Amino acid sequence: MELLLHVLLNSQRTVPLVHSKYDSLPNLANARNRTNVQEIFVKAGKVETLGMGLVYFLSQVFFEAGEAEGLALGGQEEFGAFVKWAVDVAKETLRRSVEMLSSARS
């Protein structure tokens, strides 16, 4: 989960985040570049089993560890909202990539 949080956060930054201090993050409300998240996860969607596995992980395991609202570490509600948005974009991108791959085989 920690790895995916860093991938999602760093997709919105020009300089990578090298620590786990989420309380010192800049305003995430304005950092919602959908294209950056899609570019990362469309690559994983090129391998059908990897794409579907990530969709499962993001849907089930990721949020069992702390629902999107529960990820508002230290009262940062915008962090939880950002993570929920980014995970939704990632899942949608993965599903579309896998669907396109499946339809191309048919």
Protein backbone atom coordinates (compact mmCIF):
# COMPACT_ATOMS: atom_id res chain seq x y z
CA MET A 1 0.00 0.00 0.00
CA GLU A 2 2.83 2.38 0.86
CA LEU A 3 4.37 1.91 -2.58
CA LEU A 4 1.11 2.75 -4.36
CA LEU A 5 0.60 5.82 -2.16
CA HIS A 6 4.01 7.07 -3.23
CA VAL A 7 3.30 6.31 -6.90
CA LEU A 8 0.00 8.19 -6.74
CA LEU A 9 1.46 11.15 -4.85
CA ASN A 10 4.55 11.41 -7.02
CA SER A 11 2.45 11.33 -10.17
CA GLN A 12 1.25 14.81 -9.20
CA ARG A 13 4.64 16.27 -8.27
CA THR A 14 7.58 17.52 -10.30
CA VAL A 15 10.04 16.50 -7.56
CA PRO A 16 9.62 13.02 -6.03
CA LEU A 17 8.56 12.70 -2.41
CA VAL A 18 11.34 10.88 -0.58
CA HIS A 19 9.82 10.57 2.88
CA SER A 20 6.62 9.26 4.42
CA LYS A 21 5.58 12.44 6.19
CA TYR A 22 2.17 13.02 4.67
CA ASP A 23 1.49 15.85 7.10
CA SER A 24 3.99 18.07 5.28
CA LEU A 25 2.43 17.67 1.83
CA PRO A 26 1.43 20.71 -0.18
CA ASN A 27 -2.20 21.38 -1.00
CA LEU A 28 -3.49 18.24 -2.76
CA ALA A 29 -6.84 19.76 -3.64
CA ASN A 30 -5.28 21.41 -6.70
CA ALA A 31 -3.04 18.46 -7.61
CA ARG A 32 -5.34 16.34 -9.71
CA ASN A 33 -3.72 15.67 -13.05
CA ARG A 34 -5.65 12.70 -14.41
CA THR A 35 -3.29 12.17 -17.35
CA ASN A 36 -0.30 11.53 -15.09
CA VAL A 37 -2.11 8.76 -13.21
CA GLN A 38 -3.42 7.25 -16.45
CA GLU A 39 0.05 7.16 -18.04
CA ILE A 40 1.34 5.06 -15.15
CA PHE A 41 -1.47 2.55 -14.97
CA VAL A 42 -2.11 2.11 -18.70
CA LYS A 43 1.28 0.40 -18.86
CA ALA A 44 0.25 -2.15 -16.24
CA GLY A 45 -2.99 -2.75 -18.13
CA LYS A 46 -1.03 -4.11 -21.10
CA VAL A 47 -0.60 -7.35 -19.15
CA GLU A 48 -4.11 -8.62 -18.48
CA THR A 49 -3.42 -10.55 -15.28
CA LEU A 50 -1.34 -7.70 -13.82
CA GLY A 51 -4.04 -5.18 -14.64
CA MET A 52 -6.84 -7.23 -13.12
CA GLY A 53 -4.68 -8.03 -10.08
CA LEU A 54 -4.07 -4.35 -9.47
CA VAL A 55 -7.77 -3.59 -9.84
CA TYR A 56 -8.50 -6.26 -7.21
CA PHE A 57 -5.76 -4.96 -4.93
CA LEU A 58 -6.92 -1.37 -5.22
CA SER A 59 -10.56 -2.37 -4.72
CA GLN A 60 -10.19 -4.79 -1.83
CA VAL A 61 -6.91 -4.90 0.02
CA PHE A 62 -5.97 -1.24 -0.34
CA PHE A 63 -9.13 0.01 1.33
CA GLU A 64 -9.34 -2.75 3.91
CA ALA A 65 -6.16 -1.29 5.40
CA GLY A 66 -7.87 2.07 5.88
CA GLU A 67 -10.89 3.28 3.94
CA ALA A 68 -10.25 6.32 1.76
CA GLU A 69 -11.69 8.56 4.43
CA GLY A 70 -9.55 6.79 7.04
CA LEU A 71 -6.45 7.75 5.08
CA ALA A 72 -6.97 11.33 6.20
CA LEU A 73 -3.88 10.93 8.37
CA GLY A 74 -3.76 13.47 11.12
CA GLY A 75 -7.00 15.12 10.08
CA GLN A 76 -5.97 15.76 6.48
CA GLU A 77 -9.27 15.15 4.76
CA GLU A 78 -7.94 16.39 1.44
CA PHE A 79 -5.31 13.61 1.49
CA GLY A 80 -8.03 10.96 1.78
CA ALA A 81 -10.05 12.65 -0.95
CA PHE A 82 -7.00 12.78 -3.22
CA VAL A 83 -6.21 9.08 -2.64
CA LYS A 84 -9.82 8.10 -3.36
CA TRP A 85 -9.79 10.13 -6.59
CA ALA A 86 -6.42 8.74 -7.72
CA VAL A 87 -7.42 5.13 -6.96
CA ASP A 88 -10.67 5.58 -8.92
CA VAL A 89 -8.72 6.95 -11.92
CA ALA A 90 -6.21 4.08 -11.69
CA LYS A 91 -8.95 1.42 -11.54
CA GLU A 92 -10.85 2.96 -14.45
CA THR A 93 -7.66 3.15 -16.54
CA LEU A 94 -6.71 -0.45 -15.75
CA ARG A 95 -10.18 -1.74 -16.60
CA ARG A 96 -10.24 0.10 -19.92
CA SER A 97 -6.76 -1.11 -20.82
CA VAL A 98 -7.67 -4.73 -20.06
CA GLU A 99 -10.95 -4.41 -22.00
CA MET A 100 -9.12 -3.02 -25.03
CA LEU A 101 -6.57 -5.81 -24.82
CA SER A 102 -9.32 -8.45 -24.61
CA SER A 103 -11.29 -6.99 -27.51
CA ALA A 104 -8.14 -6.81 -29.67
CA ARG A 105 -7.60 -10.55 -29.17
CA SER A 106 -11.13 -11.40 -30.28
